[in-house]
């Protein structure tokens, strides 16, 4: 009887891939803070994760969250619009980036615990 890693690791690899993609989007927002007309973007993490869970259940897993297309990134509505059309608010982006980094570490910890459990099961401990 073989081990199905996609079943054993559950949604954690997908969550980690989506967190990494969100980090890139948030970093791009921060980098373009002073770019006139730049529209801040973000992803709806829970909706993307539910979509990935559906893909896993349908058998389309293995990287569904790693390649979020541009259509899944939503534009952020600013609290205080600027006159140059830029919607990046540095404080909001930094807070989102910090929270995402913490959530990434949590996802990584869960994945690490799953892998350690599998290693113990394989070695017979």
PDB file of N, CA and C in Angstrom:
ATOM      1  N   UNK A   1       0.838  -1.177   0.000  1.00  0.00           N
ATOM      2  CA  UNK A   1       0.000   0.000   0.000  1.00  0.00           C
ATOM      3  C   UNK A   1       0.880   1.236   0.000  1.00  0.00           C
ATOM      4  N   UNK A   2       0.738   2.084  -1.002  1.00  0.00           N
ATOM      5  CA  UNK A   2       1.555   3.275  -1.137  1.00  0.00           C
ATOM      6  C   UNK A   2       0.953   4.465  -0.413  1.00  0.00           C
ATOM      7  N   UNK A   3       1.793   5.434  -0.168  1.00  0.00           N
ATOM      8  CA  UNK A   3       1.351   6.664   0.484  1.00  0.00           C
ATOM      9  C   UNK A   3       1.002   7.676  -0.596  1.00  0.00           C
ATOM     10  N   UNK A   4      -0.168   8.238  -0.506  1.00  0.00           N
ATOM     11  CA  UNK A   4      -0.578   9.309  -1.415  1.00  0.00           C
ATOM     12  C   UNK A   4      -0.265  10.627  -0.721  1.00  0.00           C
ATOM     13  N   UNK A   5       0.817  11.262  -1.129  1.00  0.00           N
ATOM     14  CA  UNK A   5       1.242  12.484  -0.464  1.00  0.00           C
ATOM     15  C   UNK A   5       0.243  13.624  -0.629  1.00  0.00           C
ATOM     16  N   UNK A   6      -0.470  13.662  -1.754  1.00  0.00           N
ATOM     17  CA  UNK A   6      -1.456  14.718  -1.915  1.00  0.00           C
ATOM     18  C   UNK A   6      -2.570  14.591  -0.882  1.00  0.00           C
ATOM     19  N   UNK A   7      -2.918  13.361  -0.507  1.00  0.00           N
ATOM     20  CA  UNK A   7      -3.924  13.146   0.535  1.00  0.00           C
ATOM     21  C   UNK A   7      -3.324  13.351   1.921  1.00  0.00           C
ATOM     22  N   UNK A   8      -2.091  12.897   2.105  1.00  0.00           N
ATOM     23  CA  UNK A   8      -1.453  12.976   3.427  1.00  0.00           C
ATOM     24  C   UNK A   8      -1.137  14.415   3.829  1.00  0.00           C
ATOM     25  N   UNK A   9      -0.743  15.234   2.861  1.00  0.00           N
ATOM     26  CA  UNK A   9      -0.357  16.608   3.182  1.00  0.00           C
ATOM     27  C   UNK A   9      -1.533  17.569   3.159  1.00  0.00           C
ATOM     28  N   UNK A  10      -2.674  17.092   2.673  1.00  0.00           N
ATOM     29  CA  UNK A  10      -3.910  17.864   2.661  1.00  0.00           C
ATOM     30  C   UNK A  10      -3.731  19.136   1.837  1.00  0.00           C
ATOM     31  N   UNK A  11      -4.216  20.243   2.309  1.00  0.00           N
ATOM     32  CA  UNK A  11      -4.213  21.500   1.562  1.00  0.00           C
ATOM     33  C   UNK A  11      -2.967  22.353   1.852  1.00  0.00           C
ATOM     34  N   UNK A  12      -2.112  21.913   2.753  1.00  0.00           N
ATOM     35  CA  UNK A  12      -0.986  22.743   3.191  1.00  0.00           C
ATOM     36  C   UNK A  12      -0.021  23.150   2.079  1.00  0.00           C
ATOM     37  N   UNK A  13       0.350  22.288   1.136  1.00  0.00           N
ATOM     38  CA  UNK A  13       1.221  22.759   0.046  1.00  0.00           C
ATOM     39  C   UNK A  13       0.562  23.852  -0.805  1.00  0.00           C
ATOM     40  N   UNK A  14      -0.736  23.714  -1.050  1.00  0.00           N
ATOM     41  CA  UNK A  14      -1.461  24.729  -1.814  1.00  0.00           C
ATOM     42  C   UNK A  14      -1.502  26.051  -1.057  1.00  0.00           C
ATOM     43  N   UNK A  15      -1.747  25.990   0.237  1.00  0.00           N
ATOM     44  CA  UNK A  15      -1.791  27.212   1.053  1.00  0.00           C
ATOM     45  C   UNK A  15      -0.436  27.915   1.032  1.00  0.00           C
ATOM     46  N   UNK A  16       0.620  27.146   1.123  1.00  0.00           N
ATOM     47  CA  UNK A  16       1.968  27.714   1.102  1.00  0.00           C
ATOM     48  C   UNK A  16       2.253  28.383  -0.239  1.00  0.00           C
ATOM     49  N   UNK A  17       1.863  27.742  -1.332  1.00  0.00           N
ATOM     50  CA  UNK A  17       2.078  28.323  -2.659  1.00  0.00           C
ATOM     51  C   UNK A  17       1.282  29.615  -2.830  1.00  0.00           C
ATOM     52  N   UNK A  18       0.061  29.637  -2.327  1.00  0.00           N
ATOM     53  CA  UNK A  18      -0.753  30.853  -2.431  1.00  0.00           C
ATOM     54  C   UNK A  18      -0.196  31.976  -1.571  1.00  0.00           C
ATOM     55  N   UNK A  19       0.309  31.640  -0.398  1.00  0.00           N
ATOM     56  CA  UNK A  19       0.928  32.665   0.461  1.00  0.00           C
ATOM     57  C   UNK A  19       2.160  33.258  -0.228  1.00  0.00           C
ATOM     58  N   UNK A  20       2.948  32.407  -0.893  1.00  0.00           N
ATOM     59  CA  UNK A  20       4.129  32.896  -1.610  1.00  0.00           C
ATOM     60  C   UNK A  20       3.718  33.824  -2.749  1.00  0.00           C
ATOM     61  N   UNK A  21       2.666  33.465  -3.484  1.00  0.00           N
ATOM     62  CA  UNK A  21       2.178  34.307  -4.566  1.00  0.00           C
ATOM     63  C   UNK A  21       1.657  35.639  -4.023  1.00  0.00           C
ATOM     64  N   UNK A  22       0.961  35.582  -2.896  1.00  0.00           N
ATOM     65  CA  UNK A  22       0.437  36.816  -2.291  1.00  0.00           C
ATOM     66  C   UNK A  22       1.587  37.719  -1.838  1.00  0.00           C
ATOM     67  N   UNK A  23       2.674  37.118  -1.356  1.00  0.00           N
ATOM     68  CA  UNK A  23       3.846  37.896  -0.962  1.00  0.00           C
ATOM     69  C   UNK A  23       4.381  38.684  -2.147  1.00  0.00           C
ATOM     70  N   UNK A  24       4.436  38.057  -3.321  1.00  0.00           N
ATOM     71  CA  UNK A  24       4.913  38.748  -4.520  1.00  0.00           C
ATOM     72  C   UNK A  24       3.997  39.915  -4.889  1.00  0.00           C
ATOM     73  N   UNK A  25       2.699  39.704  -4.799  1.00  0.00           N
ATOM     74  CA  UNK A  25       1.749  40.760  -5.143  1.00  0.00           C
ATOM     75  C   UNK A  25       1.870  41.934  -4.186  1.00  0.00           C
ATOM     76  N   UNK A  26       1.950  41.638  -2.878  1.00  0.00           N
ATOM     77  CA  UNK A  26       2.058  42.706  -1.876  1.00  0.00           C
ATOM     78  C   UNK A  26       3.389  43.448  -2.001  1.00  0.00           C
ATOM     79  N   UNK A  27       4.466  42.721  -2.289  1.00  0.00           N
ATOM     80  CA  UNK A  27       5.769  43.366  -2.476  1.00  0.00           C
ATOM     81  C   UNK A  27       5.740  44.290  -3.691  1.00  0.00           C
ATOM     82  N   UNK A  28       5.044  43.875  -4.741  1.00  0.00           N
ATOM     83  CA  UNK A  28       4.898  44.724  -5.924  1.00  0.00           C
ATOM     84  C   UNK A  28       4.126  45.998  -5.585  1.00  0.00           C
ATOM     85  N   UNK A  29       3.095  45.852  -4.765  1.00  0.00           N
ATOM     86  CA  UNK A  29       2.342  47.035  -4.336  1.00  0.00           C
ATOM     87  C   UNK A  29       3.241  48.014  -3.591  1.00  0.00           C
ATOM     88  N   UNK A  30       4.023  47.504  -2.663  1.00  0.00           N
ATOM     89  CA  UNK A  30       4.903  48.363  -1.861  1.00  0.00           C
ATOM     90  C   UNK A  30       5.953  49.024  -2.750  1.00  0.00           C
ATOM     91  N   UNK A  31       6.494  48.269  -3.702  1.00  0.00           N
ATOM     92  CA  UNK A  31       7.523  48.809  -4.592  1.00  0.00           C
ATOM     93  C   UNK A  31       6.975  49.926  -5.482  1.00  0.00           C
ATOM     94  N   UNK A  32       5.698  49.885  -5.775  1.00  0.00           N
ATOM     95  CA  UNK A  32       5.089  50.879  -6.661  1.00  0.00           C
ATOM     96  C   UNK A  32       4.301  51.951  -5.907  1.00  0.00           C
ATOM     97  N   UNK A  33       4.691  52.195  -4.671  1.00  0.00           N
ATOM     98  CA  UNK A  33       3.996  53.169  -3.835  1.00  0.00           C
ATOM     99  C   UNK A  33       3.945  54.554  -4.481  1.00  0.00           C
ATOM    100  N   UNK A  34       4.996  54.953  -5.172  1.00  0.00           N
ATOM    101  CA  UNK A  34       5.067  56.295  -5.757  1.00  0.00           C
ATOM    102  C   UNK A  34       4.850  56.312  -7.263  1.00  0.00           C
ATOM    103  N   UNK A  35       4.376  55.226  -7.839  1.00  0.00           N
ATOM    104  CA  UNK A  35       4.142  55.160  -9.279  1.00  0.00           C
ATOM    105  C   UNK A  35       2.762  55.731  -9.593  1.00  0.00           C
ATOM    106  N   UNK A  36       2.709  56.825 -10.339  1.00  0.00           N
ATOM    107  CA  UNK A  36       1.400  57.412 -10.660  1.00  0.00           C
ATOM    108  C   UNK A  36       0.516  56.423 -11.429  1.00  0.00           C
ATOM    109  N   UNK A  37      -0.738  56.328 -11.004  1.00  0.00           N
ATOM    110  CA  UNK A  37      -1.698  55.471 -11.683  1.00  0.00           C
ATOM    111  C   UNK A  37      -1.616  54.001 -11.328  1.00  0.00           C
ATOM    112  N   UNK A  38      -0.680  53.620 -10.468  1.00  0.00           N
ATOM    113  CA  UNK A  38      -0.565  52.189 -10.114  1.00  0.00           C
ATOM    114  C   UNK A  38      -1.760  51.774  -9.261  1.00  0.00           C
ATOM    115  N   UNK A  39      -2.342  50.654  -9.597  1.00  0.00           N
ATOM    116  CA  UNK A  39      -3.500  50.123  -8.874  1.00  0.00           C
ATOM    117  C   UNK A  39      -3.045  48.968  -7.982  1.00  0.00           C
ATOM    118  N   UNK A  40      -3.185  49.138  -6.671  1.00  0.00           N
ATOM    119  CA  UNK A  40      -2.798  48.095  -5.714  1.00  0.00           C
ATOM    120  C   UNK A  40      -3.681  46.863  -5.918  1.00  0.00           C
ATOM    121  N   UNK A  41      -3.069  45.687  -5.800  1.00  0.00           N
ATOM    122  CA  UNK A  41      -3.801  44.440  -5.989  1.00  0.00           C
ATOM    123  C   UNK A  41      -3.589  43.530  -4.787  1.00  0.00           C
ATOM    124  N   UNK A  42      -4.462  42.558  -4.662  1.00  0.00           N
ATOM    125  CA  UNK A  42      -4.358  41.545  -3.614  1.00  0.00           C
ATOM    126  C   UNK A  42      -5.200  40.356  -4.052  1.00  0.00           C
ATOM    127  N   UNK A  43      -5.050  39.245  -3.367  1.00  0.00           N
ATOM    128  CA  UNK A  43      -5.882  38.084  -3.671  1.00  0.00           C
ATOM    129  C   UNK A  43      -6.803  37.806  -2.492  1.00  0.00           C
ATOM    130  N   UNK A  44      -7.927  37.219  -2.789  1.00  0.00           N
ATOM    131  CA  UNK A  44      -8.841  36.759  -1.749  1.00  0.00           C
ATOM    132  C   UNK A  44      -8.360  35.360  -1.374  1.00  0.00           C
ATOM    133  N   UNK A  45      -7.583  35.278  -0.287  1.00  0.00           N
ATOM    134  CA  UNK A  45      -6.927  34.028   0.072  1.00  0.00           C
ATOM    135  C   UNK A  45      -7.924  32.910   0.332  1.00  0.00           C
ATOM    136  N   UNK A  46      -8.981  33.191   1.086  1.00  0.00           N
ATOM    137  CA  UNK A  46      -9.923  32.118   1.426  1.00  0.00           C
ATOM    138  C   UNK A  46     -10.649  31.600   0.185  1.00  0.00           C
ATOM    139  N   UNK A  47     -11.015  32.491  -0.734  1.00  0.00           N
ATOM    140  CA  UNK A  47     -11.681  32.036  -1.965  1.00  0.00           C
ATOM    141  C   UNK A  47     -10.717  31.211  -2.823  1.00  0.00           C
ATOM    142  N   UNK A  48      -9.466  31.640  -2.900  1.00  0.00           N
ATOM    143  CA  UNK A  48      -8.474  30.892  -3.671  1.00  0.00           C
ATOM    144  C   UNK A  48      -8.200  29.531  -3.048  1.00  0.00           C
ATOM    145  N   UNK A  49      -8.176  29.481  -1.726  1.00  0.00           N
ATOM    146  CA  UNK A  49      -7.942  28.214  -1.038  1.00  0.00           C
ATOM    147  C   UNK A  49      -9.118  27.265  -1.230  1.00  0.00           C
ATOM    148  N   UNK A  50     -10.335  27.791  -1.189  1.00  0.00           N
ATOM    149  CA  UNK A  50     -11.506  26.947  -1.446  1.00  0.00           C
ATOM    150  C   UNK A  50     -11.481  26.408  -2.870  1.00  0.00           C
ATOM    151  N   UNK A  51     -11.064  27.244  -3.818  1.00  0.00           N
ATOM    152  CA  UNK A  51     -10.957  26.806  -5.201  1.00  0.00           C
ATOM    153  C   UNK A  51      -9.906  25.698  -5.322  1.00  0.00           C
ATOM    154  N   UNK A  52      -8.781  25.855  -4.612  1.00  0.00           N
ATOM    155  CA  UNK A  52      -7.737  24.833  -4.640  1.00  0.00           C
ATOM    156  C   UNK A  52      -8.215  23.529  -4.002  1.00  0.00           C
ATOM    157  N   UNK A  53      -9.001  23.640  -2.914  1.00  0.00           N
ATOM    158  CA  UNK A  53      -9.557  22.437  -2.296  1.00  0.00           C
ATOM    159  C   UNK A  53     -10.496  21.732  -3.261  1.00  0.00           C
ATOM    160  N   UNK A  54     -11.277  22.481  -3.992  1.00  0.00           N
ATOM    161  CA  UNK A  54     -12.160  21.894  -4.997  1.00  0.00           C
ATOM    162  C   UNK A  54     -11.360  21.208  -6.094  1.00  0.00           C
ATOM    163  N   UNK A  55     -10.246  21.822  -6.502  1.00  0.00           N
ATOM    164  CA  UNK A  55      -9.386  21.212  -7.513  1.00  0.00           C
ATOM    165  C   UNK A  55      -8.774  19.924  -6.997  1.00  0.00           C
ATOM    166  N   UNK A  56      -8.376  19.905  -5.714  1.00  0.00           N
ATOM    167  CA  UNK A  56      -7.819  18.690  -5.130  1.00  0.00           C
ATOM    168  C   UNK A  56      -8.873  17.587  -5.084  1.00  0.00           C
ATOM    169  N   UNK A  57     -10.091  17.950  -4.722  1.00  0.00           N
ATOM    170  CA  UNK A  57     -11.168  16.960  -4.648  1.00  0.00           C
ATOM    171  C   UNK A  57     -11.512  16.417  -6.034  1.00  0.00           C
ATOM    172  N   UNK A  58     -11.377  17.267  -7.062  1.00  0.00           N
ATOM    173  CA  UNK A  58     -11.670  16.844  -8.423  1.00  0.00           C
ATOM    174  C   UNK A  58     -10.489  16.145  -9.089  1.00  0.00           C
ATOM    175  N   UNK A  59      -9.347  16.129  -8.406  1.00  0.00           N
ATOM    176  CA  UNK A  59      -8.165  15.483  -8.960  1.00  0.00           C
ATOM    177  C   UNK A  59      -7.282  16.406  -9.776  1.00  0.00           C
ATOM    178  N   UNK A  60      -7.483  17.717  -9.683  1.00  0.00           N
ATOM    179  CA  UNK A  60      -6.682  18.663 -10.448  1.00  0.00           C
ATOM    180  C   UNK A  60      -5.591  19.296  -9.607  1.00  0.00           C
ATOM    181  N   UNK A  61      -5.236  18.743  -8.482  1.00  0.00           N
ATOM    182  CA  UNK A  61      -4.306  19.352  -7.529  1.00  0.00           C
ATOM    183  C   UNK A  61      -2.902  19.475  -8.061  1.00  0.00           C
ATOM    184  N   UNK A  62      -1.939  19.412  -7.170  1.00  0.00           N
ATOM    185  CA  UNK A  62      -0.520  19.494  -7.497  1.00  0.00           C
ATOM    186  C   UNK A  62      -0.164  20.806  -8.176  1.00  0.00           C
ATOM    187  N   UNK A  63      -0.228  21.869  -7.426  1.00  0.00           N
ATOM    188  CA  UNK A  63       0.230  23.146  -7.928  1.00  0.00           C
ATOM    189  C   UNK A  63      -0.868  24.093  -8.343  1.00  0.00           C
ATOM    190  N   UNK A  64      -2.090  23.817  -8.005  1.00  0.00           N
ATOM    191  CA  UNK A  64      -3.181  24.699  -8.417  1.00  0.00           C
ATOM    192  C   UNK A  64      -3.009  26.100  -7.852  1.00  0.00           C
ATOM    193  N   UNK A  65      -2.422  26.234  -6.678  1.00  0.00           N
ATOM    194  CA  UNK A  65      -2.253  27.556  -6.079  1.00  0.00           C
ATOM    195  C   UNK A  65      -0.965  28.239  -6.465  1.00  0.00           C
ATOM    196  N   UNK A  66      -0.045  27.506  -7.083  1.00  0.00           N
ATOM    197  CA  UNK A  66       1.256  28.073  -7.390  1.00  0.00           C
ATOM    198  C   UNK A  66       1.195  29.089  -8.524  1.00  0.00           C
ATOM    199  N   UNK A  67       0.257  28.936  -9.436  1.00  0.00           N
ATOM    200  CA  UNK A  67       0.190  29.799 -10.600  1.00  0.00           C
ATOM    201  C   UNK A  67      -1.129  30.552 -10.639  1.00  0.00           C
ATOM    202  N   UNK A  68      -1.300  31.445  -9.706  1.00  0.00           N
ATOM    203  CA  UNK A  68      -2.502  32.276  -9.702  1.00  0.00           C
ATOM    204  C   UNK A  68      -2.416  33.194 -10.907  1.00  0.00           C
ATOM    205  N   UNK A  69      -3.444  33.198 -11.737  1.00  0.00           N
ATOM    206  CA  UNK A  69      -3.404  34.076 -12.889  1.00  0.00           C
ATOM    207  C   UNK A  69      -3.828  35.485 -12.493  1.00  0.00           C
ATOM    208  N   UNK A  70      -3.628  36.399 -13.402  1.00  0.00           N
ATOM    209  CA  UNK A  70      -3.908  37.801 -13.113  1.00  0.00           C
ATOM    210  C   UNK A  70      -5.384  38.036 -12.804  1.00  0.00           C
ATOM    211  N   UNK A  71      -6.246  37.180 -13.292  1.00  0.00           N
ATOM    212  CA  UNK A  71      -7.676  37.343 -13.051  1.00  0.00           C
ATOM    213  C   UNK A  71      -8.075  37.085 -11.612  1.00  0.00           C
ATOM    214  N   UNK A  72      -7.245  36.394 -10.846  1.00  0.00           N
ATOM    215  CA  UNK A  72      -7.568  36.100  -9.458  1.00  0.00           C
ATOM    216  C   UNK A  72      -7.116  37.218  -8.522  1.00  0.00           C
ATOM    217  N   UNK A  73      -6.239  38.085  -8.974  1.00  0.00           N
ATOM    218  CA  UNK A  73      -5.798  39.207  -8.148  1.00  0.00           C
ATOM    219  C   UNK A  73      -6.818  40.329  -8.284  1.00  0.00           C
ATOM    220  N   UNK A  74      -7.311  40.787  -7.169  1.00  0.00           N
ATOM    221  CA  UNK A  74      -8.338  41.821  -7.146  1.00  0.00           C
ATOM    222  C   UNK A  74      -7.704  43.176  -6.888  1.00  0.00           C
ATOM    223  N   UNK A  75      -8.335  44.232  -7.372  1.00  0.00           N
ATOM    224  CA  UNK A  75      -7.849  45.579  -7.098  1.00  0.00           C
ATOM    225  C   UNK A  75      -8.299  45.996  -5.709  1.00  0.00           C
ATOM    226  N   UNK A  76      -7.394  46.665  -4.999  1.00  0.00           N
ATOM    227  CA  UNK A  76      -7.690  47.127  -3.650  1.00  0.00           C
ATOM    228  C   UNK A  76      -8.330  48.520  -3.726  1.00  0.00           C
ATOM    229  N   UNK A  77      -9.387  48.716  -2.976  1.00  0.00           N
ATOM    230  CA  UNK A  77     -10.054  50.020  -2.916  1.00  0.00           C
ATOM    231  C   UNK A  77      -9.373  50.839  -1.820  1.00  0.00           C
ATOM    232  N   UNK A  78      -8.858  52.013  -2.183  1.00  0.00           N
ATOM    233  CA  UNK A  78      -8.123  52.801  -1.178  1.00  0.00           C
ATOM    234  C   UNK A  78      -9.056  53.488  -0.189  1.00  0.00           C
ATOM    235  N   UNK A  79      -8.552  53.690   1.026  1.00  0.00           N
ATOM    236  CA  UNK A  79      -9.285  54.451   2.043  1.00  0.00           C
ATOM    237  C   UNK A  79      -9.210  55.944   1.754  1.00  0.00           C
ATOM    238  N   UNK A  80      -8.050  56.383   1.240  1.00  0.00           N
ATOM    239  CA  UNK A  80      -7.810  57.791   0.930  1.00  0.00           C
ATOM    240  C   UNK A  80      -7.210  57.873  -0.476  1.00  0.00           C
ATOM    241  N   UNK A  81      -8.040  58.056  -1.495  1.00  0.00           N
ATOM    242  CA  UNK A  81      -7.525  58.104  -2.866  1.00  0.00           C
ATOM    243  C   UNK A  81      -6.540  59.256  -3.062  1.00  0.00           C
ATOM    244  N   UNK A  82      -5.527  59.003  -3.876  1.00  0.00           N
ATOM    245  CA  UNK A  82      -4.557  60.056  -4.173  1.00  0.00           C
ATOM    246  C   UNK A  82      -4.929  60.721  -5.496  1.00  0.00           C
ATOM    247  N   UNK A  83      -4.386  61.913  -5.728  1.00  0.00           N
ATOM    248  CA  UNK A  83      -4.734  62.652  -6.934  1.00  0.00           C
ATOM    249  C   UNK A  83      -4.070  62.081  -8.180  1.00  0.00           C
ATOM    250  N   UNK A  84      -2.961  61.348  -8.006  1.00  0.00           N
ATOM    251  CA  UNK A  84      -2.283  60.796  -9.179  1.00  0.00           C
ATOM    252  C   UNK A  84      -2.831  59.430  -9.596  1.00  0.00           C
ATOM    253  N   UNK A  85      -3.876  58.944  -8.919  1.00  0.00           N
ATOM    254  CA  UNK A  85      -4.500  57.677  -9.299  1.00  0.00           C
ATOM    255  C   UNK A  85      -3.867  56.447  -8.683  1.00  0.00           C
ATOM    256  N   UNK A  86      -2.824  56.634  -7.890  1.00  0.00           N
ATOM    257  CA  UNK A  86      -2.174  55.506  -7.224  1.00  0.00           C
ATOM    258  C   UNK A  86      -3.026  55.085  -6.028  1.00  0.00           C
ATOM    259  N   UNK A  87      -3.321  53.780  -5.923  1.00  0.00           N
ATOM    260  CA  UNK A  87      -4.171  53.307  -4.825  1.00  0.00           C
ATOM    261  C   UNK A  87      -3.388  52.604  -3.716  1.00  0.00           C
ATOM    262  N   UNK A  88      -2.063  52.659  -3.781  1.00  0.00           N
ATOM    263  CA  UNK A  88      -1.241  52.011  -2.753  1.00  0.00           C
ATOM    264  C   UNK A  88      -1.219  52.883  -1.506  1.00  0.00           C
ATOM    265  N   UNK A  89      -1.587  52.288  -0.376  1.00  0.00           N
ATOM    266  CA  UNK A  89      -1.465  52.948   0.922  1.00  0.00           C
ATOM    267  C   UNK A  89      -0.440  52.150   1.709  1.00  0.00           C
ATOM    268  N   UNK A  90       0.709  52.779   1.939  1.00  0.00           N
ATOM    269  CA  UNK A  90       1.860  52.070   2.491  1.00  0.00           C
ATOM    270  C   UNK A  90       1.541  51.341   3.796  1.00  0.00           C
ATOM    271  N   UNK A  91       0.840  51.970   4.709  1.00  0.00           N
ATOM    272  CA  UNK A  91       0.520  51.335   5.986  1.00  0.00           C
ATOM    273  C   UNK A  91      -0.330  50.086   5.808  1.00  0.00           C
ATOM    274  N   UNK A  92      -1.315  50.164   4.916  1.00  0.00           N
ATOM    275  CA  UNK A  92      -2.182  49.016   4.651  1.00  0.00           C
ATOM    276  C   UNK A  92      -1.380  47.876   4.036  1.00  0.00           C
ATOM    277  N   UNK A  93      -0.527  48.212   3.072  1.00  0.00           N
ATOM    278  CA  UNK A  93       0.272  47.182   2.394  1.00  0.00           C
ATOM    279  C   UNK A  93       1.286  46.541   3.347  1.00  0.00           C
ATOM    280  N   UNK A  94       1.911  47.353   4.185  1.00  0.00           N
ATOM    281  CA  UNK A  94       2.877  46.807   5.141  1.00  0.00           C
ATOM    282  C   UNK A  94       2.197  45.896   6.149  1.00  0.00           C
ATOM    283  N   UNK A  95       1.015  46.273   6.603  1.00  0.00           N
ATOM    284  CA  UNK A  95       0.282  45.426   7.548  1.00  0.00           C
ATOM    285  C   UNK A  95      -0.116  44.108   6.886  1.00  0.00           C
ATOM    286  N   UNK A  96      -0.602  44.178   5.648  1.00  0.00           N
ATOM    287  CA  UNK A  96      -0.980  42.956   4.925  1.00  0.00           C
ATOM    288  C   UNK A  96       0.237  42.075   4.671  1.00  0.00           C
ATOM    289  N   UNK A  97       1.372  42.691   4.325  1.00  0.00           N
ATOM    290  CA  UNK A  97       2.597  41.938   4.074  1.00  0.00           C
ATOM    291  C   UNK A  97       3.064  41.241   5.353  1.00  0.00           C
ATOM    292  N   UNK A  98       3.035  41.962   6.463  1.00  0.00           N
ATOM    293  CA  UNK A  98       3.457  41.394   7.744  1.00  0.00           C
ATOM    294  C   UNK A  98       2.556  40.233   8.164  1.00  0.00           C
ATOM    295  N   UNK A  99       1.235  40.414   8.025  1.00  0.00           N
ATOM    296  CA  UNK A  99       0.288  39.345   8.367  1.00  0.00           C
ATOM    297  C   UNK A  99       0.491  38.142   7.461  1.00  0.00           C
ATOM    298  N   UNK A 100       0.726  38.389   6.184  1.00  0.00           N
ATOM    299  CA  UNK A 100       0.945  37.290   5.242  1.00  0.00           C
ATOM    300  C   UNK A 100       2.232  36.537   5.578  1.00  0.00           C
ATOM    301  N   UNK A 101       3.276  37.255   5.981  1.00  0.00           N
ATOM    302  CA  UNK A 101       4.531  36.597   6.365  1.00  0.00           C
ATOM    303  C   UNK A 101       4.323  35.699   7.580  1.00  0.00           C
ATOM    304  N   UNK A 102       3.556  36.182   8.538  1.00  0.00           N
ATOM    305  CA  UNK A 102       3.241  35.373   9.721  1.00  0.00           C
ATOM    306  C   UNK A 102       2.407  34.143   9.341  1.00  0.00           C
ATOM    307  N   UNK A 103       1.421  34.341   8.467  1.00  0.00           N
ATOM    308  CA  UNK A 103       0.590  33.228   8.013  1.00  0.00           C
ATOM    309  C   UNK A 103       1.396  32.224   7.194  1.00  0.00           C
ATOM    310  N   UNK A 104       2.368  32.711   6.411  1.00  0.00           N
ATOM    311  CA  UNK A 104       3.254  31.833   5.648  1.00  0.00           C
ATOM    312  C   UNK A 104       4.037  30.931   6.599  1.00  0.00           C
ATOM    313  N   UNK A 105       4.569  31.529   7.656  1.00  0.00           N
ATOM    314  CA  UNK A 105       5.330  30.755   8.642  1.00  0.00           C
ATOM    315  C   UNK A 105       4.444  29.713   9.314  1.00  0.00           C
ATOM    316  N   UNK A 106       3.206  30.065   9.603  1.00  0.00           N
ATOM    317  CA  UNK A 106       2.262  29.117  10.208  1.00  0.00           C
ATOM    318  C   UNK A 106       1.976  27.960   9.257  1.00  0.00           C
ATOM    319  N   UNK A 107       1.730  28.264   7.991  1.00  0.00           N
ATOM    320  CA  UNK A 107       1.494  27.213   6.994  1.00  0.00           C
ATOM    321  C   UNK A 107       2.710  26.306   6.865  1.00  0.00           C
ATOM    322  N   UNK A 108       3.889  26.910   6.884  1.00  0.00           N
ATOM    323  CA  UNK A 108       5.123  26.128   6.795  1.00  0.00           C
ATOM    324  C   UNK A 108       5.289  25.211   8.006  1.00  0.00           C
ATOM    325  N   UNK A 109       4.917  25.700   9.181  1.00  0.00           N
ATOM    326  CA  UNK A 109       4.988  24.893  10.395  1.00  0.00           C
ATOM    327  C   UNK A 109       4.031  23.700  10.322  1.00  0.00           C
ATOM    328  N   UNK A 110       2.797  23.937   9.846  1.00  0.00           N
ATOM    329  CA  UNK A 110       1.844  22.834   9.694  1.00  0.00           C
ATOM    330  C   UNK A 110       2.352  21.790   8.709  1.00  0.00           C
ATOM    331  N   UNK A 111       2.909  22.242   7.591  1.00  0.00           N
ATOM    332  CA  UNK A 111       3.434  21.314   6.594  1.00  0.00           C
ATOM    333  C   UNK A 111       4.603  20.521   7.166  1.00  0.00           C
ATOM    334  N   UNK A 112       5.455  21.191   7.919  1.00  0.00           N
ATOM    335  CA  UNK A 112       6.595  20.521   8.544  1.00  0.00           C
ATOM    336  C   UNK A 112       6.132  19.460   9.545  1.00  0.00           C
ATOM    337  N   UNK A 113       5.081  19.772  10.316  1.00  0.00           N
ATOM    338  CA  UNK A 113       4.553  18.794  11.275  1.00  0.00           C
ATOM    339  C   UNK A 113       3.984  17.577  10.546  1.00  0.00           C
ATOM    340  N   UNK A 114       3.303  17.807   9.433  1.00  0.00           N
ATOM    341  CA  UNK A 114       2.756  16.697   8.641  1.00  0.00           C
ATOM    342  C   UNK A 114       3.884  15.812   8.121  1.00  0.00           C
ATOM    343  N   UNK A 115       4.943  16.424   7.615  1.00  0.00           N
ATOM    344  CA  UNK A 115       6.064  15.653   7.077  1.00  0.00           C
ATOM    345  C   UNK A 115       6.789  14.864   8.168  1.00  0.00           C
ATOM    346  N   UNK A 116       6.944  15.466   9.338  1.00  0.00           N
ATOM    347  CA  UNK A 116       7.574  14.758  10.449  1.00  0.00           C
ATOM    348  C   UNK A 116       6.713  13.559  10.880  1.00  0.00           C
ATOM    349  N   UNK A 117       5.390  13.752  10.892  1.00  0.00           N
ATOM    350  CA  UNK A 117       4.489  12.644  11.212  1.00  0.00           C
ATOM    351  C   UNK A 117       4.585  11.519  10.206  1.00  0.00           C
ATOM    352  N   UNK A 118       4.683  11.867   8.931  1.00  0.00           N
ATOM    353  CA  UNK A 118       4.841  10.841   7.892  1.00  0.00           C
ATOM    354  C   UNK A 118       6.173  10.105   8.042  1.00  0.00           C
ATOM    355  N   UNK A 119       7.222  10.856   8.358  1.00  0.00           N
ATOM    356  CA  UNK A 119       8.531  10.240   8.537  1.00  0.00           C
ATOM    357  C   UNK A 119       8.517   9.259   9.711  1.00  0.00           C
ATOM    358  N   UNK A 120       7.831   9.622  10.788  1.00  0.00           N
ATOM    359  CA  UNK A 120       7.713   8.704  11.934  1.00  0.00           C
ATOM    360  C   UNK A 120       6.919   7.472  11.557  1.00  0.00           C
ATOM    361  N   UNK A 121       5.848   7.648  10.791  1.00  0.00           N
ATOM    362  CA  UNK A 121       5.034   6.499  10.380  1.00  0.00           C
ATOM    363  C   UNK A 121       5.810   5.561   9.471  1.00  0.00           C
ATOM    364  N   UNK A 122       6.605   6.132   8.572  1.00  0.00           N
ATOM    365  CA  UNK A 122       7.398   5.303   7.662  1.00  0.00           C
ATOM    366  C   UNK A 122       8.468   4.532   8.410  1.00  0.00           C
ATOM    367  N   UNK A 123       9.097   5.197   9.405  1.00  0.00           N
ATOM    368  CA  UNK A 123      10.170   4.530  10.153  1.00  0.00           C
ATOM    369  C   UNK A 123       9.622   3.593  11.237  1.00  0.00           C
ATOM    370  N   UNK A 124       8.327   3.603  11.465  1.00  0.00           N
ATOM    371  CA  UNK A 124       7.721   2.693  12.428  1.00  0.00           C
ATOM    372  C   UNK A 124       7.740   3.156  13.865  1.00  0.00           C
ATOM    373  N   UNK A 125       7.914   4.408  14.092  1.00  0.00           N
ATOM    374  CA  UNK A 125       7.948   4.936  15.469  1.00  0.00           C
ATOM    375  C   UNK A 125       6.585   5.219  16.001  1.00  0.00           C
TER     376      UNK A 125
END
